[in-house]
């Protein structure tokens, strides 16, 4: 199965894409001092890995996307606001999804 990497310039755009997933979540791993946040989609013999590198680690447990205000924030607790999607950040200890970082 082929693996395609797509790096986003904007964290907000990265989050907007993830909100269209039926099960939105973000995985985080630190690779050689880089905080890498990624999301995978598989289908039709191909896997696409969308990722974003941030200077600082997000300390909160959720990225909160408000669909009506088109705004991104962070929270440590799961909320019940009907206008917002709470996207969990899953901490990854190790992965081989990036055979080299940054991918070429």
PDB file of N, CA and C in Angstrom:
ATOM      1  N   UNK A   1       0.847  -1.167   0.000  1.00  0.00           N
ATOM      2  CA  UNK A   1       0.000   0.000   0.000  1.00  0.00           C
ATOM      3  C   UNK A   1       0.903   1.245   0.000  1.00  0.00           C
ATOM      4  N   UNK A   2       0.689   2.116  -0.935  1.00  0.00           N
ATOM      5  CA  UNK A   2       1.494   3.336  -1.061  1.00  0.00           C
ATOM      6  C   UNK A   2       1.145   4.318   0.058  1.00  0.00           C
ATOM      7  N   UNK A   3       2.161   5.065   0.506  1.00  0.00           N
ATOM      8  CA  UNK A   3       1.961   6.073   1.545  1.00  0.00           C
ATOM      9  C   UNK A   3       2.337   7.435   0.988  1.00  0.00           C
ATOM     10  N   UNK A   4       1.386   8.357   1.047  1.00  0.00           N
ATOM     11  CA  UNK A   4       1.592   9.726   0.573  1.00  0.00           C
ATOM     12  C   UNK A   4       1.595  10.645   1.771  1.00  0.00           C
ATOM     13  N   UNK A   5       2.569  11.571   1.812  1.00  0.00           N
ATOM     14  CA  UNK A   5       2.664  12.545   2.899  1.00  0.00           C
ATOM     15  C   UNK A   5       2.202  13.904   2.397  1.00  0.00           C
ATOM     16  N   UNK A   6       1.377  14.565   3.198  1.00  0.00           N
ATOM     17  CA  UNK A   6       0.944  15.927   2.875  1.00  0.00           C
ATOM     18  C   UNK A   6       1.153  16.773   4.121  1.00  0.00           C
ATOM     19  N   UNK A   7       2.014  17.794   3.996  1.00  0.00           N
ATOM     20  CA  UNK A   7       2.293  18.688   5.112  1.00  0.00           C
ATOM     21  C   UNK A   7       1.494  19.972   4.944  1.00  0.00           C
ATOM     22  N   UNK A   8       0.807  20.360   5.988  1.00  0.00           N
ATOM     23  CA  UNK A   8       0.023  21.590   5.972  1.00  0.00           C
ATOM     24  C   UNK A   8       0.859  22.778   6.407  1.00  0.00           C
ATOM     25  N   UNK A   9       0.553  23.953   5.849  1.00  0.00           N
ATOM     26  CA  UNK A   9       1.181  25.203   6.268  1.00  0.00           C
ATOM     27  C   UNK A   9       0.459  25.789   7.471  1.00  0.00           C
ATOM     28  N   UNK A  10      -0.853  25.571   7.548  1.00  0.00           N
ATOM     29  CA  UNK A  10      -1.683  26.196   8.569  1.00  0.00           C
ATOM     30  C   UNK A  10      -2.298  25.131   9.480  1.00  0.00           C
ATOM     31  N   UNK A  11      -2.130  25.298  10.793  1.00  0.00           N
ATOM     32  CA  UNK A  11      -2.735  24.370  11.739  1.00  0.00           C
ATOM     33  C   UNK A  11      -4.262  24.410  11.629  1.00  0.00           C
ATOM     34  N   UNK A  12      -4.830  25.594  11.428  1.00  0.00           N
ATOM     35  CA  UNK A  12      -6.288  25.710  11.284  1.00  0.00           C
ATOM     36  C   UNK A  12      -6.797  24.902  10.089  1.00  0.00           C
ATOM     37  N   UNK A  13      -6.089  24.934   8.959  1.00  0.00           N
ATOM     38  CA  UNK A  13      -6.487  24.134   7.793  1.00  0.00           C
ATOM     39  C   UNK A  13      -6.374  22.639   8.094  1.00  0.00           C
ATOM     40  N   UNK A  14      -5.332  22.262   8.803  1.00  0.00           N
ATOM     41  CA  UNK A  14      -5.139  20.871   9.215  1.00  0.00           C
ATOM     42  C   UNK A  14      -6.342  20.401  10.038  1.00  0.00           C
ATOM     43  N   UNK A  15      -6.782  21.234  10.980  1.00  0.00           N
ATOM     44  CA  UNK A  15      -7.926  20.898  11.831  1.00  0.00           C
ATOM     45  C   UNK A  15      -9.208  20.847  11.012  1.00  0.00           C
ATOM     46  N   UNK A  16      -9.394  21.771  10.096  1.00  0.00           N
ATOM     47  CA  UNK A  16     -10.604  21.763   9.256  1.00  0.00           C
ATOM     48  C   UNK A  16     -10.735  20.452   8.499  1.00  0.00           C
ATOM     49  N   UNK A  17      -9.632  19.946   7.961  1.00  0.00           N
ATOM     50  CA  UNK A  17      -9.661  18.669   7.249  1.00  0.00           C
ATOM     51  C   UNK A  17     -10.090  17.545   8.187  1.00  0.00           C
ATOM     52  N   UNK A  18      -9.513  17.492   9.359  1.00  0.00           N
ATOM     53  CA  UNK A  18      -9.791  16.409  10.302  1.00  0.00           C
ATOM     54  C   UNK A  18     -11.252  16.390  10.727  1.00  0.00           C
ATOM     55  N   UNK A  19     -11.890  17.551  10.802  1.00  0.00           N
ATOM     56  CA  UNK A  19     -13.290  17.599  11.239  1.00  0.00           C
ATOM     57  C   UNK A  19     -14.235  16.883  10.276  1.00  0.00           C
ATOM     58  N   UNK A  20     -13.803  16.629   9.053  1.00  0.00           N
ATOM     59  CA  UNK A  20     -14.644  15.915   8.085  1.00  0.00           C
ATOM     60  C   UNK A  20     -14.550  14.406   8.239  1.00  0.00           C
ATOM     61  N   UNK A  21     -13.676  13.937   9.101  1.00  0.00           N
ATOM     62  CA  UNK A  21     -13.534  12.503   9.340  1.00  0.00           C
ATOM     63  C   UNK A  21     -14.678  11.997  10.213  1.00  0.00           C
ATOM     64  N   UNK A  22     -15.131  10.765   9.984  1.00  0.00           N
ATOM     65  CA  UNK A  22     -16.174  10.213  10.856  1.00  0.00           C
ATOM     66  C   UNK A  22     -15.688  10.004  12.290  1.00  0.00           C
ATOM     67  N   UNK A  23     -14.381   9.825  12.475  1.00  0.00           N
ATOM     68  CA  UNK A  23     -13.796   9.648  13.817  1.00  0.00           C
ATOM     69  C   UNK A  23     -12.573  10.561  13.928  1.00  0.00           C
ATOM     70  N   UNK A  24     -12.793  11.846  14.171  1.00  0.00           N
ATOM     71  CA  UNK A  24     -11.661  12.778  14.182  1.00  0.00           C
ATOM     72  C   UNK A  24     -10.774  12.634  15.426  1.00  0.00           C
ATOM     73  N   UNK A  25      -9.483  12.505  15.195  1.00  0.00           N
ATOM     74  CA  UNK A  25      -8.482  12.509  16.260  1.00  0.00           C
ATOM     75  C   UNK A  25      -7.151  12.884  15.642  1.00  0.00           C
ATOM     76  N   UNK A  26      -6.223  13.291  16.481  1.00  0.00           N
ATOM     77  CA  UNK A  26      -4.878  13.674  16.043  1.00  0.00           C
ATOM     78  C   UNK A  26      -3.889  12.830  16.828  1.00  0.00           C
ATOM     79  N   UNK A  27      -2.850  12.380  16.167  1.00  0.00           N
ATOM     80  CA  UNK A  27      -1.771  11.683  16.855  1.00  0.00           C
ATOM     81  C   UNK A  27      -0.582  12.628  16.954  1.00  0.00           C
ATOM     82  N   UNK A  28       0.118  12.581  18.083  1.00  0.00           N
ATOM     83  CA  UNK A  28       1.292  13.424  18.303  1.00  0.00           C
ATOM     84  C   UNK A  28       2.480  12.541  18.651  1.00  0.00           C
ATOM     85  N   UNK A  29       3.619  12.859  18.034  1.00  0.00           N
ATOM     86  CA  UNK A  29       4.866  12.178  18.364  1.00  0.00           C
ATOM     87  C   UNK A  29       5.991  13.204  18.270  1.00  0.00           C
ATOM     88  N   UNK A  30       6.981  13.047  19.125  1.00  0.00           N
ATOM     89  CA  UNK A  30       8.157  13.903  19.042  1.00  0.00           C
ATOM     90  C   UNK A  30       9.237  13.133  18.290  1.00  0.00           C
ATOM     91  N   UNK A  31       9.702  13.716  17.185  1.00  0.00           N
ATOM     92  CA  UNK A  31      10.732  13.098  16.355  1.00  0.00           C
ATOM     93  C   UNK A  31      11.921  14.045  16.268  1.00  0.00           C
ATOM     94  N   UNK A  32      13.047  13.629  16.822  1.00  0.00           N
ATOM     95  CA  UNK A  32      14.266  14.444  16.779  1.00  0.00           C
ATOM     96  C   UNK A  32      14.023  15.881  17.215  1.00  0.00           C
ATOM     97  N   UNK A  33      13.240  16.059  18.289  1.00  0.00           N
ATOM     98  CA  UNK A  33      12.965  17.388  18.817  1.00  0.00           C
ATOM     99  C   UNK A  33      11.856  18.145  18.102  1.00  0.00           C
ATOM    100  N   UNK A  34      11.202  17.522  17.141  1.00  0.00           N
ATOM    101  CA  UNK A  34      10.099  18.145  16.403  1.00  0.00           C
ATOM    102  C   UNK A  34       8.768  17.606  16.924  1.00  0.00           C
ATOM    103  N   UNK A  35       7.818  18.494  17.189  1.00  0.00           N
ATOM    104  CA  UNK A  35       6.468  18.087  17.583  1.00  0.00           C
ATOM    105  C   UNK A  35       5.638  17.897  16.326  1.00  0.00           C
ATOM    106  N   UNK A  36       5.373  16.644  16.003  1.00  0.00           N
ATOM    107  CA  UNK A  36       4.671  16.296  14.768  1.00  0.00           C
ATOM    108  C   UNK A  36       3.268  15.803  15.120  1.00  0.00           C
ATOM    109  N   UNK A  37       2.272  16.439  14.506  1.00  0.00           N
ATOM    110  CA  UNK A  37       0.873  16.066  14.674  1.00  0.00           C
ATOM    111  C   UNK A  37       0.401  15.505  13.342  1.00  0.00           C
ATOM    112  N   UNK A  38      -0.253  14.339  13.382  1.00  0.00           N
ATOM    113  CA  UNK A  38      -0.628  13.725  12.113  1.00  0.00           C
ATOM    114  C   UNK A  38      -1.968  13.010  12.199  1.00  0.00           C
ATOM    115  N   UNK A  39      -2.501  12.740  11.003  1.00  0.00           N
ATOM    116  CA  UNK A  39      -3.797  12.099  10.830  1.00  0.00           C
ATOM    117  C   UNK A  39      -3.705  11.259   9.567  1.00  0.00           C
ATOM    118  N   UNK A  40      -4.201  10.021   9.622  1.00  0.00           N
ATOM    119  CA  UNK A  40      -4.107   9.116   8.476  1.00  0.00           C
ATOM    120  C   UNK A  40      -5.478   8.801   7.890  1.00  0.00           C
ATOM    121  N   UNK A  41      -5.499   8.659   6.581  1.00  0.00           N
ATOM    122  CA  UNK A  41      -6.697   8.198   5.881  1.00  0.00           C
ATOM    123  C   UNK A  41      -6.263   7.073   4.947  1.00  0.00           C
ATOM    124  N   UNK A  42      -6.982   5.970   4.963  1.00  0.00           N
ATOM    125  CA  UNK A  42      -6.663   4.834   4.102  1.00  0.00           C
ATOM    126  C   UNK A  42      -7.834   4.521   3.194  1.00  0.00           C
ATOM    127  N   UNK A  43      -7.504   4.065   2.001  1.00  0.00           N
ATOM    128  CA  UNK A  43      -8.555   3.636   1.091  1.00  0.00           C
ATOM    129  C   UNK A  43      -8.040   3.449  -0.310  1.00  0.00           C
ATOM    130  N   UNK A  44      -8.644   2.539  -1.028  1.00  0.00           N
ATOM    131  CA  UNK A  44      -8.340   2.280  -2.440  1.00  0.00           C
ATOM    132  C   UNK A  44      -6.849   2.023  -2.671  1.00  0.00           C
ATOM    133  N   UNK A  45      -6.224   1.245  -1.794  1.00  0.00           N
ATOM    134  CA  UNK A  45      -4.832   0.858  -1.974  1.00  0.00           C
ATOM    135  C   UNK A  45      -3.825   1.946  -1.669  1.00  0.00           C
ATOM    136  N   UNK A  46      -4.253   3.003  -1.019  1.00  0.00           N
ATOM    137  CA  UNK A  46      -3.334   4.093  -0.699  1.00  0.00           C
ATOM    138  C   UNK A  46      -3.620   4.610   0.699  1.00  0.00           C
ATOM    139  N   UNK A  47      -2.569   5.023   1.380  1.00  0.00           N
ATOM    140  CA  UNK A  47      -2.709   5.706   2.672  1.00  0.00           C
ATOM    141  C   UNK A  47      -2.187   7.120   2.495  1.00  0.00           C
ATOM    142  N   UNK A  48      -2.918   8.068   3.041  1.00  0.00           N
ATOM    143  CA  UNK A  48      -2.495   9.460   3.002  1.00  0.00           C
ATOM    144  C   UNK A  48      -2.261   9.898   4.439  1.00  0.00           C
ATOM    145  N   UNK A  49      -1.092  10.445   4.703  1.00  0.00           N
ATOM    146  CA  UNK A  49      -0.756  10.926   6.029  1.00  0.00           C
ATOM    147  C   UNK A  49      -0.653  12.444   5.962  1.00  0.00           C
ATOM    148  N   UNK A  50      -1.578  13.099   6.632  1.00  0.00           N
ATOM    149  CA  UNK A  50      -1.581  14.557   6.718  1.00  0.00           C
ATOM    150  C   UNK A  50      -0.858  14.915   8.010  1.00  0.00           C
ATOM    151  N   UNK A  51       0.058  15.866   7.929  1.00  0.00           N
ATOM    152  CA  UNK A  51       0.777  16.191   9.151  1.00  0.00           C
ATOM    153  C   UNK A  51       1.114  17.669   9.232  1.00  0.00           C
ATOM    154  N   UNK A  52       1.456  18.048  10.453  1.00  0.00           N
ATOM    155  CA  UNK A  52       1.759  19.434  10.783  1.00  0.00           C
ATOM    156  C   UNK A  52       2.853  19.407  11.831  1.00  0.00           C
ATOM    157  N   UNK A  53       3.844  20.256  11.675  1.00  0.00           N
ATOM    158  CA  UNK A  53       4.898  20.369  12.684  1.00  0.00           C
ATOM    159  C   UNK A  53       4.717  21.692  13.416  1.00  0.00           C
ATOM    160  N   UNK A  54       4.751  21.623  14.737  1.00  0.00           N
ATOM    161  CA  UNK A  54       4.611  22.823  15.559  1.00  0.00           C
ATOM    162  C   UNK A  54       5.867  23.023  16.400  1.00  0.00           C
ATOM    163  N   UNK A  55       6.184  24.273  16.680  1.00  0.00           N
ATOM    164  CA  UNK A  55       7.359  24.594  17.492  1.00  0.00           C
ATOM    165  C   UNK A  55       7.197  24.094  18.926  1.00  0.00           C
ATOM    166  N   UNK A  56       5.991  24.236  19.462  1.00  0.00           N
ATOM    167  CA  UNK A  56       5.724  23.845  20.844  1.00  0.00           C
ATOM    168  C   UNK A  56       4.706  22.718  20.885  1.00  0.00           C
ATOM    169  N   UNK A  57       4.846  21.873  21.889  1.00  0.00           N
ATOM    170  CA  UNK A  57       3.871  20.808  22.111  1.00  0.00           C
ATOM    171  C   UNK A  57       2.574  21.429  22.628  1.00  0.00           C
ATOM    172  N   UNK A  58       1.438  20.926  22.162  1.00  0.00           N
ATOM    173  CA  UNK A  58       0.138  21.333  22.679  1.00  0.00           C
ATOM    174  C   UNK A  58      -0.051  20.597  24.002  1.00  0.00           C
ATOM    175  N   UNK A  59      -0.184  21.335  25.077  1.00  0.00           N
ATOM    176  CA  UNK A  59      -0.290  20.727  26.405  1.00  0.00           C
ATOM    177  C   UNK A  59      -1.699  20.239  26.718  1.00  0.00           C
ATOM    178  N   UNK A  60      -2.713  20.832  26.124  1.00  0.00           N
ATOM    179  CA  UNK A  60      -4.090  20.414  26.374  1.00  0.00           C
ATOM    180  C   UNK A  60      -4.372  19.078  25.688  1.00  0.00           C
ATOM    181  N   UNK A  61      -5.461  18.436  26.078  1.00  0.00           N
ATOM    182  CA  UNK A  61      -5.805  17.112  25.560  1.00  0.00           C
ATOM    183  C   UNK A  61      -6.703  17.147  24.328  1.00  0.00           C
ATOM    184  N   UNK A  62      -7.320  18.318  24.062  1.00  0.00           N
ATOM    185  CA  UNK A  62      -8.261  18.423  22.946  1.00  0.00           C
ATOM    186  C   UNK A  62      -8.015  19.687  22.138  1.00  0.00           C
ATOM    187  N   UNK A  63      -8.167  19.555  20.829  1.00  0.00           N
ATOM    188  CA  UNK A  63      -8.278  20.713  19.949  1.00  0.00           C
ATOM    189  C   UNK A  63      -9.774  20.916  19.758  1.00  0.00           C
ATOM    190  N   UNK A  64     -10.226  22.147  19.952  1.00  0.00           N
ATOM    191  CA  UNK A  64     -11.651  22.448  19.853  1.00  0.00           C
ATOM    192  C   UNK A  64     -11.871  23.314  18.615  1.00  0.00           C
ATOM    193  N   UNK A  65     -12.672  22.797  17.689  1.00  0.00           N
ATOM    194  CA  UNK A  65     -12.990  23.547  16.471  1.00  0.00           C
ATOM    195  C   UNK A  65     -14.450  23.972  16.535  1.00  0.00           C
ATOM    196  N   UNK A  66     -14.685  25.275  16.555  1.00  0.00           N
ATOM    197  CA  UNK A  66     -16.039  25.812  16.541  1.00  0.00           C
ATOM    198  C   UNK A  66     -16.452  26.013  15.083  1.00  0.00           C
ATOM    199  N   UNK A  67     -17.424  25.226  14.642  1.00  0.00           N
ATOM    200  CA  UNK A  67     -17.854  25.246  13.242  1.00  0.00           C
ATOM    201  C   UNK A  67     -18.540  26.541  12.843  1.00  0.00           C
ATOM    202  N   UNK A  68     -19.192  27.194  13.769  1.00  0.00           N
ATOM    203  CA  UNK A  68     -19.943  28.406  13.440  1.00  0.00           C
ATOM    204  C   UNK A  68     -19.060  29.646  13.406  1.00  0.00           C
ATOM    205  N   UNK A  69     -18.056  29.676  14.261  1.00  0.00           N
ATOM    206  CA  UNK A  69     -17.124  30.815  14.274  1.00  0.00           C
ATOM    207  C   UNK A  69     -15.858  30.535  13.476  1.00  0.00           C
ATOM    208  N   UNK A  70     -15.712  29.291  13.000  1.00  0.00           N
ATOM    209  CA  UNK A  70     -14.513  28.862  12.266  1.00  0.00           C
ATOM    210  C   UNK A  70     -13.261  29.204  13.078  1.00  0.00           C
ATOM    211  N   UNK A  71     -13.274  28.795  14.362  1.00  0.00           N
ATOM    212  CA  UNK A  71     -12.150  29.109  15.235  1.00  0.00           C
ATOM    213  C   UNK A  71     -11.597  27.841  15.878  1.00  0.00           C
ATOM    214  N   UNK A  72     -10.311  27.872  16.165  1.00  0.00           N
ATOM    215  CA  UNK A  72      -9.609  26.750  16.783  1.00  0.00           C
ATOM    216  C   UNK A  72      -9.112  27.195  18.151  1.00  0.00           C
ATOM    217  N   UNK A  73      -9.365  26.356  19.168  1.00  0.00           N
ATOM    218  CA  UNK A  73      -8.846  26.608  20.510  1.00  0.00           C
ATOM    219  C   UNK A  73      -8.439  25.264  21.115  1.00  0.00           C
ATOM    220  N   UNK A  74      -8.017  25.295  22.356  1.00  0.00           N
ATOM    221  CA  UNK A  74      -7.533  24.085  23.022  1.00  0.00           C
ATOM    222  C   UNK A  74      -8.183  23.987  24.398  1.00  0.00           C
ATOM    223  N   UNK A  75      -8.382  22.737  24.866  1.00  0.00           N
ATOM    224  CA  UNK A  75      -8.982  22.536  26.171  1.00  0.00           C
ATOM    225  C   UNK A  75      -8.475  21.216  26.741  1.00  0.00           C
ATOM    226  N   UNK A  76      -8.411  21.142  28.060  1.00  0.00           N
ATOM    227  CA  UNK A  76      -7.985  19.903  28.718  1.00  0.00           C
ATOM    228  C   UNK A  76      -9.151  18.994  29.059  1.00  0.00           C
ATOM    229  N   UNK A  77     -10.377  19.517  28.912  1.00  0.00           N
ATOM    230  CA  UNK A  77     -11.564  18.732  29.236  1.00  0.00           C
ATOM    231  C   UNK A  77     -12.484  18.645  28.022  1.00  0.00           C
ATOM    232  N   UNK A  78     -13.167  17.526  27.942  1.00  0.00           N
ATOM    233  CA  UNK A  78     -14.148  17.330  26.884  1.00  0.00           C
ATOM    234  C   UNK A  78     -15.364  18.187  27.182  1.00  0.00           C
ATOM    235  N   UNK A  79     -15.815  18.970  26.214  1.00  0.00           N
ATOM    236  CA  UNK A  79     -16.954  19.852  26.409  1.00  0.00           C
ATOM    237  C   UNK A  79     -18.198  19.318  25.732  1.00  0.00           C
ATOM    238  N   UNK A  80     -19.312  19.988  25.975  1.00  0.00           N
ATOM    239  CA  UNK A  80     -20.583  19.557  25.398  1.00  0.00           C
ATOM    240  C   UNK A  80     -21.210  20.649  24.535  1.00  0.00           C
ATOM    241  N   UNK A  81     -20.404  21.594  24.099  1.00  0.00           N
ATOM    242  CA  UNK A  81     -20.882  22.679  23.239  1.00  0.00           C
ATOM    243  C   UNK A  81     -21.291  22.098  21.895  1.00  0.00           C
ATOM    244  N   UNK A  82     -22.555  22.269  21.507  1.00  0.00           N
ATOM    245  CA  UNK A  82     -23.064  21.714  20.258  1.00  0.00           C
ATOM    246  C   UNK A  82     -22.489  22.354  19.007  1.00  0.00           C
ATOM    247  N   UNK A  83     -21.864  23.510  19.149  1.00  0.00           N
ATOM    248  CA  UNK A  83     -21.265  24.187  18.001  1.00  0.00           C
ATOM    249  C   UNK A  83     -19.841  23.724  17.734  1.00  0.00           C
ATOM    250  N   UNK A  84     -19.250  22.994  18.667  1.00  0.00           N
ATOM    251  CA  UNK A  84     -17.824  22.667  18.573  1.00  0.00           C
ATOM    252  C   UNK A  84     -17.579  21.169  18.476  1.00  0.00           C
ATOM    253  N   UNK A  85     -16.494  20.853  17.829  1.00  0.00           N
ATOM    254  CA  UNK A  85     -15.997  19.483  17.750  1.00  0.00           C
ATOM    255  C   UNK A  85     -14.746  19.413  18.613  1.00  0.00           C
ATOM    256  N   UNK A  86     -14.702  18.472  19.544  1.00  0.00           N
ATOM    257  CA  UNK A  86     -13.531  18.272  20.390  1.00  0.00           C
ATOM    258  C   UNK A  86     -12.722  17.124  19.799  1.00  0.00           C
ATOM    259  N   UNK A  87     -11.528  17.426  19.350  1.00  0.00           N
ATOM    260  CA  UNK A  87     -10.683  16.445  18.681  1.00  0.00           C
ATOM    261  C   UNK A  87      -9.591  16.014  19.654  1.00  0.00           C
ATOM    262  N   UNK A  88      -9.593  14.740  20.091  1.00  0.00           N
ATOM    263  CA  UNK A  88      -8.581  14.302  21.041  1.00  0.00           C
ATOM    264  C   UNK A  88      -7.198  14.244  20.402  1.00  0.00           C
ATOM    265  N   UNK A  89      -6.194  14.567  21.209  1.00  0.00           N
ATOM    266  CA  UNK A  89      -4.797  14.434  20.803  1.00  0.00           C
ATOM    267  C   UNK A  89      -4.261  13.182  21.480  1.00  0.00           C
ATOM    268  N   UNK A  90      -3.882  12.195  20.688  1.00  0.00           N
ATOM    269  CA  UNK A  90      -3.375  10.923  21.192  1.00  0.00           C
ATOM    270  C   UNK A  90      -1.849  10.956  21.177  1.00  0.00           C
ATOM    271  N   UNK A  91      -1.242  10.688  22.314  1.00  0.00           N
ATOM    272  CA  UNK A  91       0.215  10.710  22.428  1.00  0.00           C
ATOM    273  C   UNK A  91       0.797   9.366  21.994  1.00  0.00           C
ATOM    274  N   UNK A  92       1.678   9.393  21.024  1.00  0.00           N
ATOM    275  CA  UNK A  92       2.307   8.194  20.488  1.00  0.00           C
ATOM    276  C   UNK A  92       3.714   8.090  21.072  1.00  0.00           C
ATOM    277  N   UNK A  93       4.053   6.938  21.649  1.00  0.00           N
ATOM    278  CA  UNK A  93       5.384   6.748  22.217  1.00  0.00           C
ATOM    279  C   UNK A  93       6.421   6.509  21.116  1.00  0.00           C
ATOM    280  N   UNK A  94       6.065   5.675  20.150  1.00  0.00           N
ATOM    281  CA  UNK A  94       6.964   5.331  19.053  1.00  0.00           C
ATOM    282  C   UNK A  94       6.152   4.983  17.832  1.00  0.00           C
ATOM    283  N   UNK A  95       6.701   5.267  16.659  1.00  0.00           N
ATOM    284  CA  UNK A  95       6.039   4.885  15.413  1.00  0.00           C
ATOM    285  C   UNK A  95       7.080   4.687  14.324  1.00  0.00           C
ATOM    286  N   UNK A  96       6.764   3.854  13.356  1.00  0.00           N
ATOM    287  CA  UNK A  96       7.633   3.703  12.189  1.00  0.00           C
ATOM    288  C   UNK A  96       6.965   4.303  10.946  1.00  0.00           C
ATOM    289  N   UNK A  97       5.935   5.111  11.168  1.00  0.00           N
ATOM    290  CA  UNK A  97       5.204   5.702  10.053  1.00  0.00           C
ATOM    291  C   UNK A  97       6.058   6.723   9.290  1.00  0.00           C
ATOM    292  N   UNK A  98       7.018   7.322   9.989  1.00  0.00           N
ATOM    293  CA  UNK A  98       7.965   8.239   9.344  1.00  0.00           C
ATOM    294  C   UNK A  98       9.317   7.534   9.285  1.00  0.00           C
ATOM    295  N   UNK A  99       9.629   6.833   8.185  1.00  0.00           N
ATOM    296  CA  UNK A  99      10.927   6.152   8.111  1.00  0.00           C
ATOM    297  C   UNK A  99      12.091   7.129   8.212  1.00  0.00           C
ATOM    298  N   UNK A 100      11.841   8.368   7.816  1.00  0.00           N
ATOM    299  CA  UNK A 100      12.799   9.447   8.009  1.00  0.00           C
ATOM    300  C   UNK A 100      11.989  10.721   8.227  1.00  0.00           C
ATOM    301  N   UNK A 101      12.566  11.639   9.002  1.00  0.00           N
ATOM    302  CA  UNK A 101      11.846  12.890   9.236  1.00  0.00           C
ATOM    303  C   UNK A 101      12.806  14.045   9.028  1.00  0.00           C
ATOM    304  N   UNK A 102      12.328  15.046   8.266  1.00  0.00           N
ATOM    305  CA  UNK A 102      11.040  15.123   7.587  1.00  0.00           C
ATOM    306  C   UNK A 102      11.005  14.218   6.362  1.00  0.00           C
ATOM    307  N   UNK A 103       9.808  13.759   5.987  1.00  0.00           N
ATOM    308  CA  UNK A 103       9.701  12.892   4.810  1.00  0.00           C
ATOM    309  C   UNK A 103      10.046  13.663   3.536  1.00  0.00           C
ATOM    310  N   UNK A 104      10.547  12.935   2.576  1.00  0.00           N
ATOM    311  CA  UNK A 104      10.918  13.545   1.291  1.00  0.00           C
ATOM    312  C   UNK A 104       9.904  13.233   0.234  1.00  0.00           C
TER     313      UNK A 104
END
